[in-house]
PDB file of N, CA and C in Angstrom:
ATOM      1  N   MET A   1     132.689 142.281 125.271  1.00  0.00           N
ATOM      2  CA  MET A   1     133.410 141.280 125.090  1.00  0.00           C
ATOM      3  C   MET A   1     133.241 140.638 123.538  1.00  0.00           C
ATOM      4  N   MET A   2     134.124 140.182 122.605  1.00  0.00           N
ATOM      5  CA  MET A   2     134.396 139.916 121.758  1.00  0.00           C
ATOM      6  C   MET A   2     133.626 138.400 121.056  1.00  0.00           C
ATOM      7  N   LYS A   3     133.927 138.188 120.200  1.00  0.00           N
ATOM      8  CA  LYS A   3     133.553 136.963 119.614  1.00  0.00           C
ATOM      9  C   LYS A   3     134.385 135.981 119.478  1.00  0.00           C
ATOM     10  N   LEU A   4     134.327 134.570 120.198  1.00  0.00           N
ATOM     11  CA  LEU A   4     134.721 133.224 120.057  1.00  0.00           C
ATOM     12  C   LEU A   4     134.114 132.487 119.340  1.00  0.00           C
ATOM     13  N   THR A   5     134.574 132.482 118.229  1.00  0.00           N
ATOM     14  CA  THR A   5     134.183 131.845 117.120  1.00  0.00           C
ATOM     15  C   THR A   5     135.455 130.576 116.521  1.00  0.00           C
ATOM     16  N   VAL A   6     134.919 129.770 115.600  1.00  0.00           N
ATOM     17  CA  VAL A   6     135.588 128.061 115.120  1.00  0.00           C
ATOM     18  C   VAL A   6     135.338 128.201 113.779  1.00  0.00           C
ATOM     19  N   GLU A   7     136.935 127.904 113.467  1.00  0.00           N
ATOM     20  CA  GLU A   7     136.989 127.645 111.783  1.00  0.00           C
ATOM     21  C   GLU A   7     137.296 127.164 111.355  1.00  0.00           C
ATOM     22  N   ARG A   8     137.521 126.082 109.864  1.00  0.00           N
ATOM     23  CA  ARG A   8     138.200 125.462 109.120  1.00  0.00           C
ATOM     24  C   ARG A   8     138.891 126.068 108.607  1.00  0.00           C
ATOM     25  N   ILE A   9     140.949 125.574 108.923  1.00  0.00           N
ATOM     26  CA  ILE A   9     141.791 126.353 108.192  1.00  0.00           C
ATOM     27  C   ILE A   9     141.700 126.662 107.039  1.00  0.00           C
ATOM     28  N   TYR A  10     140.881 125.712 106.542  1.00  0.00           N
ATOM     29  CA  TYR A  10     141.437 125.587 105.159  1.00  0.00           C
ATOM     30  C   TYR A  10     140.409 126.683 104.128  1.00  0.00           C
ATOM     31  N   THR A  11     139.103 127.318 104.748  1.00  0.00           N
ATOM     32  CA  THR A  11     138.848 128.430 104.256  1.00  0.00           C
ATOM     33  C   THR A  11     139.643 128.939 103.578  1.00  0.00           C
ATOM     34  N   LYS A  12     138.939 129.576 102.870  1.00  0.00           N
ATOM     35  CA  LYS A  12     139.441 131.115 102.118  1.00  0.00           C
ATOM     36  C   LYS A  12     138.255 131.925 101.923  1.00  0.00           C
ATOM     37  N   PRO A  13     138.955 133.100 101.782  1.00  0.00           N
ATOM     38  CA  PRO A  13     140.319 133.458 102.595  1.00  0.00           C
ATOM     39  C   PRO A  13     140.063 133.548 103.937  1.00  0.00           C
ATOM     40  N   ALA A  14     141.291 133.556 104.126  1.00  0.00           N
ATOM     41  CA  ALA A  14     141.636 133.594 105.768  1.00  0.00           C
ATOM     42  C   ALA A  14     140.641 134.398 106.964  1.00  0.00           C
ATOM     43  N   ASP A  15     139.932 134.033 107.307  1.00  0.00           N
ATOM     44  CA  ASP A  15     139.158 135.310 108.655  1.00  0.00           C
ATOM     45  C   ASP A  15     140.769 136.109 109.283  1.00  0.00           C
ATOM     46  N   LEU A  16     141.355 136.775 109.318  1.00  0.00           N
ATOM     47  CA  LEU A  16     142.189 137.517 109.878  1.00  0.00           C
ATOM     48  C   LEU A  16     141.701 138.653 111.112  1.00  0.00           C
ATOM     49  N   ASN A  17     140.515 138.788 111.063  1.00  0.00           N
ATOM     50  CA  ASN A  17     139.350 139.355 111.747  1.00  0.00           C
ATOM     51  C   ASN A  17     139.716 139.368 113.358  1.00  0.00           C
ATOM     52  N   GLY A  18     140.712 138.621 113.859  1.00  0.00           N
ATOM     53  CA  GLY A  18     141.050 137.979 115.305  1.00  0.00           C
ATOM     54  C   GLY A  18     141.954 137.398 115.644  1.00  0.00           C
ATOM     55  N   TYR A  19     142.109 136.865 116.800  1.00  0.00           N
ATOM     56  CA  TYR A  19     143.527 135.897 117.240  1.00  0.00           C
ATOM     57  C   TYR A  19     143.282 134.525 116.862  1.00  0.00           C
ATOM     58  N   ARG A  20     144.105 134.293 115.881  1.00  0.00           N
ATOM     59  CA  ARG A  20     143.987 132.899 115.292  1.00  0.00           C
ATOM     60  C   ARG A  20     144.763 131.441 115.341  1.00  0.00           C
ATOM     61  N   ILE A  21     143.912 130.138 116.776  1.00  0.00           N
ATOM     62  CA  ILE A  21     144.730 129.366 117.419  1.00  0.00           C
ATOM     63  C   ILE A  21     143.859 128.112 116.886  1.00  0.00           C
ATOM     64  N   LEU A  22     145.504 127.995 115.883  1.00  0.00           N
ATOM     65  CA  LEU A  22     145.190 126.715 116.038  1.00  0.00           C
ATOM     66  C   LEU A  22     144.892 125.414 117.168  1.00  0.00           C
ATOM     67  N   VAL A  23     144.306 124.633 117.175  1.00  0.00           N
ATOM     68  CA  VAL A  23     143.445 123.743 118.246  1.00  0.00           C
ATOM     69  C   VAL A  23     143.733 121.810 117.826  1.00  0.00           C
ATOM     70  N   ASP A  24     144.499 121.574 116.555  1.00  0.00           N
ATOM     71  CA  ASP A  24     144.808 121.155 116.037  1.00  0.00           C
ATOM     72  C   ASP A  24     146.194 120.095 116.496  1.00  0.00           C
ATOM     73  N   ARG A  25     146.500 118.491 117.420  1.00  0.00           N
ATOM     74  CA  ARG A  25     147.547 118.187 117.855  1.00  0.00           C
ATOM     75  C   ARG A  25     148.271 117.978 116.508  1.00  0.00           C
ATOM     76  N   LEU A  26     147.637 117.676 115.388  1.00  0.00           N
ATOM     77  CA  LEU A  26     148.786 117.690 113.965  1.00  0.00           C
ATOM     78  C   LEU A  26     148.963 118.494 113.010  1.00  0.00           C
ATOM     79  N   TRP A  27     149.741 119.373 112.426  1.00  0.00           N
ATOM     80  CA  TRP A  27     149.617 120.442 111.811  1.00  0.00           C
ATOM     81  C   TRP A  27     148.741 120.286 110.533  1.00  0.00           C
ATOM     82  N   PRO A  28     147.701 121.175 109.941  1.00  0.00           N
ATOM     83  CA  PRO A  28     146.934 120.315 108.801  1.00  0.00           C
ATOM     84  C   PRO A  28     147.680 120.277 107.570  1.00  0.00           C
ATOM     85  N   ARG A  29     147.557 119.283 106.913  1.00  0.00           N
ATOM     86  CA  ARG A  29     148.727 118.870 105.631  1.00  0.00           C
ATOM     87  C   ARG A  29     147.833 120.153 104.706  1.00  0.00           C
ATOM     88  N   GLY A  30     149.223 120.229 103.996  1.00  0.00           N
ATOM     89  CA  GLY A  30     148.626 120.992 102.943  1.00  0.00           C
ATOM     90  C   GLY A  30     148.936 122.678 103.198  1.00  0.00           C
ATOM     91  N   ILE A  31     148.790 123.349 104.097  1.00  0.00           N
ATOM     92  CA  ILE A  31     148.748 124.411 104.608  1.00  0.00           C
ATOM     93  C   ILE A  31     150.613 124.833 105.369  1.00  0.00           C
ATOM     94  N   SER A  32     150.773 125.829 104.500  1.00  0.00           N
ATOM     95  CA  SER A  32     151.645 126.480 105.137  1.00  0.00           C
ATOM     96  C   SER A  32     151.956 127.239 106.251  1.00  0.00           C
ATOM     97  N   LYS A  33     153.093 127.392 107.261  1.00  0.00           N
ATOM     98  CA  LYS A  33     153.002 128.564 108.269  1.00  0.00           C
ATOM     99  C   LYS A  33     152.477 129.749 108.361  1.00  0.00           C
ATOM    100  N   ILE A  34     153.078 130.418 106.583  1.00  0.00           N
ATOM    101  CA  ILE A  34     153.217 131.614 106.258  1.00  0.00           C
ATOM    102  C   ILE A  34     151.155 131.944 106.217  1.00  0.00           C
ATOM    103  N   ASN A  35     150.844 130.982 105.488  1.00  0.00           N
ATOM    104  CA  ASN A  35     149.258 131.165 104.756  1.00  0.00           C
ATOM    105  C   ASN A  35     148.605 130.719 105.939  1.00  0.00           C
ATOM    106  N   ALA A  36     148.689 130.290 107.398  1.00  0.00           N
ATOM    107  CA  ALA A  36     147.988 129.946 108.602  1.00  0.00           C
ATOM    108  C   ALA A  36     147.694 130.855 108.581  1.00  0.00           C
ATOM    109  N   HIS A  37     148.322 131.874 109.247  1.00  0.00           N
ATOM    110  CA  HIS A  37     147.896 133.433 110.037  1.00  0.00           C
ATOM    111  C   HIS A  37     147.973 133.167 111.028  1.00  0.00           C
ATOM    112  N   LEU A  38     148.701 132.557 112.029  1.00  0.00           N
ATOM    113  CA  LEU A  38     148.413 131.767 112.809  1.00  0.00           C
ATOM    114  C   LEU A  38     149.016 132.482 114.192  1.00  0.00           C
ATOM    115  N   ASP A  39     148.452 132.872 115.460  1.00  0.00           N
ATOM    116  CA  ASP A  39     149.064 133.784 116.046  1.00  0.00           C
ATOM    117  C   ASP A  39     149.051 132.709 117.498  1.00  0.00           C
ATOM    118  N   TRP A  40     149.165 131.217 117.548  1.00  0.00           N
ATOM    119  CA  TRP A  40     149.230 130.760 118.467  1.00  0.00           C
ATOM    120  C   TRP A  40     148.796 128.911 117.914  1.00  0.00           C
ATOM    121  N   TRP A  41     149.493 128.200 117.658  1.00  0.00           N
ATOM    122  CA  TRP A  41     149.228 126.832 117.462  1.00  0.00           C
ATOM    123  C   TRP A  41     149.377 125.347 119.216  1.00  0.00           C
ATOM    124  N   ALA A  42     147.855 125.650 119.975  1.00  0.00           N
ATOM    125  CA  ALA A  42     147.820 125.391 121.019  1.00  0.00           C
ATOM    126  C   ALA A  42     147.402 123.375 120.982  1.00  0.00           C
ATOM    127  N   LYS A  43     148.749 122.497 120.039  1.00  0.00           N
ATOM    128  CA  LYS A  43     148.738 121.915 120.000  1.00  0.00           C
ATOM    129  C   LYS A  43     148.421 120.957 120.973  1.00  0.00           C
ATOM    130  N   GLN A  44     148.837 121.052 122.503  1.00  0.00           N
ATOM    131  CA  GLN A  44     148.416 120.499 123.430  1.00  0.00           C
ATOM    132  C   GLN A  44     147.222 120.319 124.136  1.00  0.00           C
ATOM    133  N   VAL A  45     146.312 121.254 123.665  1.00  0.00           N
ATOM    134  CA  VAL A  45     144.962 120.808 123.907  1.00  0.00           C
ATOM    135  C   VAL A  45     144.169 120.247 122.924  1.00  0.00           C
ATOM    136  N   GLY A  46     144.875 119.802 121.764  1.00  0.00           N
ATOM    137  CA  GLY A  46     143.938 118.675 120.879  1.00  0.00           C
ATOM    138  C   GLY A  46     144.041 117.951 121.134  1.00  0.00           C
ATOM    139  N   PRO A  47     142.714 116.388 121.083  1.00  0.00           N
ATOM    140  CA  PRO A  47     142.697 115.578 121.530  1.00  0.00           C
ATOM    141  C   PRO A  47     143.717 114.290 121.353  1.00  0.00           C
ATOM    142  N   SER A  48     143.956 113.206 122.517  1.00  0.00           N
ATOM    143  CA  SER A  48     145.376 112.796 122.089  1.00  0.00           C
ATOM    144  C   SER A  48     145.216 112.049 121.340  1.00  0.00           C
ATOM    145  N   ASN A  49     146.709 111.073 120.542  1.00  0.00           N
ATOM    146  CA  ASN A  49     146.552 110.299 119.364  1.00  0.00           C
ATOM    147  C   ASN A  49     145.430 109.158 119.606  1.00  0.00           C
ATOM    148  N   GLU A  50     145.402 108.899 120.597  1.00  0.00           N
ATOM    149  CA  GLU A  50     145.006 107.244 120.564  1.00  0.00           C
ATOM    150  C   GLU A  50     142.831 107.867 120.804  1.00  0.00           C
ATOM    151  N   LEU A  51     143.188 108.859 121.214  1.00  0.00           N
ATOM    152  CA  LEU A  51     141.222 109.618 120.433  1.00  0.00           C
ATOM    153  C   LEU A  51     141.186 109.436 119.741  1.00  0.00           C
ATOM    154  N   ARG A  52     142.226 110.542 119.115  1.00  0.00           N
ATOM    155  CA  ARG A  52     141.633 111.010 117.568  1.00  0.00           C
ATOM    156  C   ARG A  52     141.538 109.990 116.559  1.00  0.00           C
ATOM    157  N   LYS A  53     142.606 108.899 116.731  1.00  0.00           N
ATOM    158  CA  LYS A  53     142.422 107.493 115.844  1.00  0.00           C
ATOM    159  C   LYS A  53     141.387 106.723 116.445  1.00  0.00           C
ATOM    160  N   TRP A  54     141.169 106.614 117.395  1.00  0.00           N
ATOM    161  CA  TRP A  54     139.968 105.896 117.923  1.00  0.00           C
ATOM    162  C   TRP A  54     138.748 106.614 117.048  1.00  0.00           C
ATOM    163  N   PHE A  55     138.434 107.656 117.080  1.00  0.00           N
ATOM    164  CA  PHE A  55     137.221 108.326 116.741  1.00  0.00           C
ATOM    165  C   PHE A  55     137.557 108.083 115.504  1.00  0.00           C
ATOM    166  N   GLY A  56     138.323 108.803 114.648  1.00  0.00           N
ATOM    167  CA  GLY A  56     138.202 108.918 112.786  1.00  0.00           C
ATOM    168  C   GLY A  56     137.304 109.523 112.308  1.00  0.00           C
ATOM    169  N   HIS A  57     136.954 110.824 112.835  1.00  0.00           N
ATOM    170  CA  HIS A  57     136.130 111.207 112.180  1.00  0.00           C
ATOM    171  C   HIS A  57     134.623 110.858 111.996  1.00  0.00           C
ATOM    172  N   ASP A  58     133.959 110.062 112.531  1.00  0.00           N
ATOM    173  CA  ASP A  58     133.128 109.010 112.233  1.00  0.00           C
ATOM    174  C   ASP A  58     131.992 109.565 113.277  1.00  0.00           C
ATOM    175  N   PRO A  59     131.093 110.281 112.747  1.00  0.00           N
ATOM    176  CA  PRO A  59     129.611 110.854 113.270  1.00  0.00           C
ATOM    177  C   PRO A  59     129.611 110.267 114.012  1.00  0.00           C
ATOM    178  N   ALA A  60     128.844 109.004 113.613  1.00  0.00           N
ATOM    179  CA  ALA A  60     128.532 107.853 114.657  1.00  0.00           C
ATOM    180  C   ALA A  60     129.027 108.125 116.103  1.00  0.00           C
ATOM    181  N   LYS A  61     130.376 107.693 116.443  1.00  0.00           N
ATOM    182  CA  LYS A  61     131.142 107.707 117.331  1.00  0.00           C
ATOM    183  C   LYS A  61     131.334 109.352 118.404  1.00  0.00           C
ATOM    184  N   PHE A  62     130.814 110.405 117.220  1.00  0.00           N
ATOM    185  CA  PHE A  62     131.128 111.917 117.731  1.00  0.00           C
ATOM    186  C   PHE A  62     130.732 112.320 119.861  1.00  0.00           C
ATOM    187  N   ALA A  63     129.152 111.768 119.883  1.00  0.00           N
ATOM    188  CA  ALA A  63     128.985 111.278 121.656  1.00  0.00           C
ATOM    189  C   ALA A  63     129.762 111.341 122.600  1.00  0.00           C
ATOM    190  N   GLU A  64     130.725 110.116 122.702  1.00  0.00           N
ATOM    191  CA  GLU A  64     130.966 109.298 123.028  1.00  0.00           C
ATOM    192  C   GLU A  64     132.876 110.158 122.988  1.00  0.00           C
ATOM    193  N   PHE A  65     132.983 110.714 121.564  1.00  0.00           N
ATOM    194  CA  PHE A  65     134.405 111.145 121.145  1.00  0.00           C
ATOM    195  C   PHE A  65     133.978 112.701 122.316  1.00  0.00           C
ATOM    196  N   LYS A  66     133.107 113.026 121.926  1.00  0.00           N
ATOM    197  CA  LYS A  66     133.089 113.984 123.152  1.00  0.00           C
ATOM    198  C   LYS A  66     133.031 114.252 124.404  1.00  0.00           C
ATOM    199  N   GLN A  67     132.430 113.185 125.226  1.00  0.00           N
ATOM    200  CA  GLN A  67     132.768 112.074 126.637  1.00  0.00           C
ATOM    201  C   GLN A  67     133.876 112.131 126.846  1.00  0.00           C
ATOM    202  N   ARG A  68     134.713 111.583 126.096  1.00  0.00           N
ATOM    203  CA  ARG A  68     135.994 110.975 125.777  1.00  0.00           C
ATOM    204  C   ARG A  68     137.041 112.740 126.282  1.00  0.00           C
ATOM    205  N   TYR A  69     137.226 113.345 124.944  1.00  0.00           N
ATOM    206  CA  TYR A  69     137.659 114.576 125.129  1.00  0.00           C
ATOM    207  C   TYR A  69     137.628 114.920 126.372  1.00  0.00           C
ATOM    208  N   LEU A  70     136.160 115.702 126.809  1.00  0.00           N
ATOM    209  CA  LEU A  70     135.815 116.517 127.488  1.00  0.00           C
ATOM    210  C   LEU A  70     136.738 115.904 129.141  1.00  0.00           C
ATOM    211  N   ALA A  71     137.414 114.375 129.263  1.00  0.00           N
ATOM    212  CA  ALA A  71     137.880 113.743 130.680  1.00  0.00           C
ATOM    213  C   ALA A  71     138.960 114.125 130.170  1.00  0.00           C
ATOM    214  N   GLU A  72     139.578 114.174 128.862  1.00  0.00           N
ATOM    215  CA  GLU A  72     141.321 114.646 128.602  1.00  0.00           C
ATOM    216  C   GLU A  72     141.131 115.995 128.886  1.00  0.00           C
ATOM    217  N   LEU A  73     140.493 116.881 128.350  1.00  0.00           N
ATOM    218  CA  LEU A  73     140.390 118.745 128.860  1.00  0.00           C
ATOM    219  C   LEU A  73     140.608 118.848 130.693  1.00  0.00           C
ATOM    220  N   ALA A  74     139.864 117.680 130.994  1.00  0.00           N
ATOM    221  CA  ALA A  74     139.589 117.977 132.769  1.00  0.00           C
ATOM    222  C   ALA A  74     141.165 117.665 133.433  1.00  0.00           C
ATOM    223  N   ASP A  75     141.565 117.019 132.375  1.00  0.00           N
ATOM    224  CA  ASP A  75     143.012 116.764 133.465  1.00  0.00           C
ATOM    225  C   ASP A  75     144.765 117.322 132.531  1.00  0.00           C
ATOM    226  N   ASN A  76     143.859 118.431 131.498  1.00  0.00           N
ATOM    227  CA  ASN A  76     144.783 119.288 130.911  1.00  0.00           C
ATOM    228  C   ASN A  76     145.312 119.886 130.677  1.00  0.00           C
ATOM    229  N   PRO A  77     146.726 120.595 131.631  1.00  0.00           N
ATOM    230  CA  PRO A  77     146.758 121.927 131.845  1.00  0.00           C
ATOM    231  C   PRO A  77     146.525 122.840 130.742  1.00  0.00           C
ATOM    232  N   ALA A  78     147.135 122.231 130.111  1.00  0.00           N
ATOM    233  CA  ALA A  78     146.991 123.054 128.599  1.00  0.00           C
ATOM    234  C   ALA A  78     145.623 123.997 128.405  1.00  0.00           C
ATOM    235  N   PHE A  79     144.402 122.957 129.035  1.00  0.00           N
ATOM    236  CA  PHE A  79     143.436 123.522 128.599  1.00  0.00           C
ATOM    237  C   PHE A  79     142.594 124.688 129.455  1.00  0.00           C
ATOM    238  N   ALA A  80     143.679 125.037 130.325  1.00  0.00           N
ATOM    239  CA  ALA A  80     143.630 125.829 131.526  1.00  0.00           C
ATOM    240  C   ALA A  80     144.166 127.121 131.318  1.00  0.00           C
ATOM    241  N   GLU A  81     145.182 127.228 130.102  1.00  0.00           N
ATOM    242  CA  GLU A  81     146.338 127.863 129.410  1.00  0.00           C
ATOM    243  C   GLU A  81     145.512 128.833 128.845  1.00  0.00           C
ATOM    244  N   LEU A  82     144.487 127.946 127.560  1.00  0.00           N
ATOM    245  CA  LEU A  82     144.240 128.017 126.790  1.00  0.00           C
ATOM    246  C   LEU A  82     142.691 129.553 127.308  1.00  0.00           C
ATOM    247  N   LYS A  83     142.237 128.823 128.149  1.00  0.00           N
ATOM    248  CA  LYS A  83     140.898 129.209 128.873  1.00  0.00           C
ATOM    249  C   LYS A  83     141.437 130.944 129.278  1.00  0.00           C
ATOM    250  N   ASP A  84     142.592 130.584 130.304  1.00  0.00           N
ATOM    251  CA  ASP A  84     143.176 132.324 130.759  1.00  0.00           C
ATOM    252  C   ASP A  84     143.645 132.650 129.490  1.00  0.00           C
ATOM    253  N   LYS A  85     143.920 132.485 128.405  1.00  0.00           N
ATOM    254  CA  LYS A  85     144.460 133.300 127.572  1.00  0.00           C
ATOM    255  C   LYS A  85     142.957 133.772 126.685  1.00  0.00           C
ATOM    256  N   VAL A  86     142.274 132.539 126.440  1.00  0.00           N
ATOM    257  CA  VAL A  86     140.952 133.474 125.803  1.00  0.00           C
ATOM    258  C   VAL A  86     140.655 134.550 126.387  1.00  0.00           C
ATOM    259  N   SER A  87     140.067 134.024 127.411  1.00  0.00           N
ATOM    260  CA  SER A  87     139.802 135.426 128.399  1.00  0.00           C
ATOM    261  C   SER A  87     140.381 136.359 128.108  1.00  0.00           C
ATOM    262  N   VAL A  88     141.339 136.742 128.531  1.00  0.00           N
ATOM    263  CA  VAL A  88     142.097 137.847 127.744  1.00  0.00           C
ATOM    264  C   VAL A  88     142.157 138.347 126.939  1.00  0.00           C
ATOM    265  N   ILE A  89     142.439 137.807 125.505  1.00  0.00           N
ATOM    266  CA  ILE A  89     142.339 138.306 124.330  1.00  0.00           C
ATOM    267  C   ILE A  89     140.820 139.062 124.443  1.00  0.00           C
ATOM    268  N   LEU A  90     140.105 137.752 124.734  1.00  0.00           N
ATOM    269  CA  LEU A  90     138.228 138.553 124.419  1.00  0.00           C
ATOM    270  C   LEU A  90     138.373 139.859 124.611  1.00  0.00           C
ATOM    271  N   GLN A  91     139.095 140.224 125.732  1.00  0.00           N
ATOM    272  CA  GLN A  91     138.785 141.336 126.385  1.00  0.00           C
ATOM    273  C   GLN A  91     138.969 142.943 125.131  1.00  0.00           C
ATOM    274  N   LYS A  92     139.318 142.553 124.007  1.00  0.00           N
ATOM    275  CA  LYS A  92     140.435 143.375 123.357  1.00  0.00           C
ATOM    276  C   LYS A  92     140.295 142.712 121.597  1.00  0.00           C
ATOM    277  N   GLN A  93     139.825 141.671 121.137  1.00  0.00           N
ATOM    278  CA  GLN A  93     139.641 141.082 120.015  1.00  0.00           C
ATOM    279  C   GLN A  93     139.339 140.102 120.261  1.00  0.00           C
ATOM    280  N   ASN A  94     138.376 139.383 118.733  1.00  0.00           N
ATOM    281  CA  ASN A  94     138.305 138.092 118.313  1.00  0.00           C
ATOM    282  C   ASN A  94     138.469 137.360 119.064  1.00  0.00           C
ATOM    283  N   VAL A  95     138.429 135.553 118.770  1.00  0.00           N
ATOM    284  CA  VAL A  95     139.486 134.669 118.915  1.00  0.00           C
ATOM    285  C   VAL A  95     138.726 134.112 118.168  1.00  0.00           C
ATOM    286  N   ILE A  96     139.568 133.073 117.071  1.00  0.00           N
ATOM    287  CA  ILE A  96     139.139 132.478 116.176  1.00  0.00           C
ATOM    288  C   ILE A  96     140.014 130.540 116.323  1.00  0.00           C
ATOM    289  N   LEU A  97     139.195 129.990 116.840  1.00  0.00           N
ATOM    290  CA  LEU A  97     139.859 128.251 116.905  1.00  0.00           C
ATOM    291  C   LEU A  97     140.081 127.510 115.704  1.00  0.00           C
ATOM    292  N   LEU A  98     140.778 127.262 115.124  1.00  0.00           N
ATOM    293  CA  LEU A  98     140.786 126.768 113.570  1.00  0.00           C
ATOM    294  C   LEU A  98     141.353 124.968 113.627  1.00  0.00           C
ATOM    295  N   TYR A  99     140.468 124.357 113.290  1.00  0.00           N
ATOM    296  CA  TYR A  99     140.598 122.823 112.877  1.00  0.00           C
ATOM    297  C   TYR A  99     141.170 122.970 111.583  1.00  0.00           C
ATOM    298  N   GLY A 100     141.332 121.327 111.408  1.00  0.00           N
ATOM    299  CA  GLY A 100     141.548 121.108 109.588  1.00  0.00           C
ATOM    300  C   GLY A 100     140.562 119.911 109.181  1.00  0.00           C
ATOM    301  N   ALA A 101     139.960 119.291 110.086  1.00  0.00           N
ATOM    302  CA  ALA A 101     138.739 118.055 109.862  1.00  0.00           C
ATOM    303  C   ALA A 101     137.692 118.463 108.677  1.00  0.00           C
ATOM    304  N   LYS A 102     137.382 117.573 107.858  1.00  0.00           N
ATOM    305  CA  LYS A 102     136.434 118.304 106.757  1.00  0.00           C
ATOM    306  C   LYS A 102     135.367 118.635 107.344  1.00  0.00           C
ATOM    307  N   ASP A 103     134.610 117.931 108.388  1.00  0.00           N
ATOM    308  CA  ASP A 103     133.561 117.834 109.652  1.00  0.00           C
ATOM    309  C   ASP A 103     133.352 118.740 109.860  1.00  0.00           C
ATOM    310  N   GLU A 104     132.496 119.899 109.571  1.00  0.00           N
ATOM    311  CA  GLU A 104     132.378 121.157 110.795  1.00  0.00           C
ATOM    312  C   GLU A 104     131.872 121.093 111.974  1.00  0.00           C
ATOM    313  N   GLN A 105     130.808 120.153 111.880  1.00  0.00           N
ATOM    314  CA  GLN A 105     129.587 119.911 113.005  1.00  0.00           C
ATOM    315  C   GLN A 105     130.209 119.124 114.340  1.00  0.00           C
ATOM    316  N   HIS A 106     131.145 118.247 113.708  1.00  0.00           N
ATOM    317  CA  HIS A 106     131.692 117.147 114.520  1.00  0.00           C
ATOM    318  C   HIS A 106     133.147 117.055 114.923  1.00  0.00           C
ATOM    319  N   ASN A 107     133.845 117.823 115.530  1.00  0.00           N
ATOM    320  CA  ASN A 107     135.521 117.850 115.878  1.00  0.00           C
ATOM    321  C   ASN A 107     135.438 118.867 116.892  1.00  0.00           C
ATOM    322  N   GLN A 108     137.142 118.293 117.288  1.00  0.00           N
ATOM    323  CA  GLN A 108     137.013 119.204 118.766  1.00  0.00           C
ATOM    324  C   GLN A 108     136.815 120.587 119.102  1.00  0.00           C
ATOM    325  N   ALA A 109     137.244 121.052 117.984  1.00  0.00           N
ATOM    326  CA  ALA A 109     136.819 122.661 117.757  1.00  0.00           C
ATOM    327  C   ALA A 109     136.060 123.625 118.694  1.00  0.00           C
ATOM    328  N   VAL A 110     134.690 122.704 117.635  1.00  0.00           N
ATOM    329  CA  VAL A 110     133.158 123.097 118.100  1.00  0.00           C
ATOM    330  C   VAL A 110     133.347 122.427 119.860  1.00  0.00           C
ATOM    331  N   ILE A 111     133.938 121.199 120.400  1.00  0.00           N
ATOM    332  CA  ILE A 111     133.902 120.928 121.710  1.00  0.00           C
ATOM    333  C   ILE A 111     134.363 122.160 122.670  1.00  0.00           C
ATOM    334  N   LEU A 112     135.589 122.785 121.805  1.00  0.00           N
ATOM    335  CA  LEU A 112     136.225 123.508 122.823  1.00  0.00           C
ATOM    336  C   LEU A 112     135.484 124.386 122.737  1.00  0.00           C
ATOM    337  N   LYS A 113     134.984 125.505 122.092  1.00  0.00           N
ATOM    338  CA  LYS A 113     133.894 126.529 121.917  1.00  0.00           C
ATOM    339  C   LYS A 113     132.853 126.076 122.903  1.00  0.00           C
ATOM    340  N   GLU A 114     132.487 125.699 122.647  1.00  0.00           N
ATOM    341  CA  GLU A 114     131.328 124.968 124.132  1.00  0.00           C
ATOM    342  C   GLU A 114     132.092 125.234 125.066  1.00  0.00           C
ATOM    343  N   LEU A 115     133.003 124.587 125.459  1.00  0.00           N
ATOM    344  CA  LEU A 115     133.366 124.580 127.178  1.00  0.00           C
ATOM    345  C   LEU A 115     133.986 126.058 127.241  1.00  0.00           C
ATOM    346  N   LEU A 116     134.613 126.665 126.836  1.00  0.00           N
ATOM    347  CA  LEU A 116     135.174 127.620 126.718  1.00  0.00           C
ATOM    348  C   LEU A 116     134.004 128.969 126.955  1.00  0.00           C
ATOM    349  N   ASP A 117     132.977 128.807 126.280  1.00  0.00           N
ATOM    350  CA  ASP A 117     132.076 129.794 126.408  1.00  0.00           C
ATOM    351  C   ASP A 117     131.383 129.115 127.835  1.00  0.00           C
ATOM    352  N   LYS A 118     130.783 128.189 128.207  1.00  0.00           N
ATOM    353  CA  LYS A 118     131.184 127.721 129.546  1.00  0.00           C
ATOM    354  C   LYS A 118     131.605 128.502 130.482  1.00  0.00           C
ATOM    355  N   SER A 119     132.640 128.124 130.501  1.00  0.00           N
ATOM    356  CA  SER A 119     133.488 128.328 131.448  1.00  0.00           C
ATOM    357  C   SER A 119     133.809 130.275 131.805  1.00  0.00           C
ATOM    358  N   LEU A 120     134.076 130.603 130.487  1.00  0.00           N
ATOM    359  CA  LEU A 120     133.832 131.918 130.365  1.00  0.00           C
ATOM    360  C   LEU A 120     132.646 132.763 130.889  1.00  0.00           C
ATOM    361  N   ALA A 121     131.572 132.199 130.283  1.00  0.00           N
ATOM    362  CA  ALA A 121     130.169 132.563 131.254  1.00  0.00           C
ATOM    363  C   ALA A 121     130.175 132.874 133.018  1.00  0.00           C
ATOM    364  N   ASN A 122     130.656 131.749 133.252  1.00  0.00           N
ATOM    365  CA  ASN A 122     130.971 131.322 134.861  1.00  0.00           C
ATOM    366  C   ASN A 122     132.263 132.222 135.717  1.00  0.00           C
ATOM    367  N   HIS A 123     133.182 133.006 134.362  1.00  0.00           N
ATOM    368  CA  HIS A 123     134.122 133.608 135.024  1.00  0.00           C
ATOM    369  C   HIS A 123     133.763 134.568 135.847  1.00  0.00           C
TER     370      HIS A 123
END
């Protein structure tokens, strides 16, 4: 089994050692499609616009954001697709979940990784 990691899309140089999945609903500002080196843009697994705006990247709201986001993912068929795809890809190569937020501890990619790690361990 290869590694599942999380990385900020603005990191230079881009880590190309793995299958790169953008997990933001909105395209990151200032990143060209070419420089992103994306394999897949899984925009449907990003938090809803309402949840994203409510959270506003406020670390004080992160615990509640996580609960609300996990509730969204539970009803989101795009998460099941992501989980299935990641489990197949991890057999052959690393997977990198990419996000645009400045805060490296308080974002949806961190939550997704944790959820995928748990789901895939029980697979």
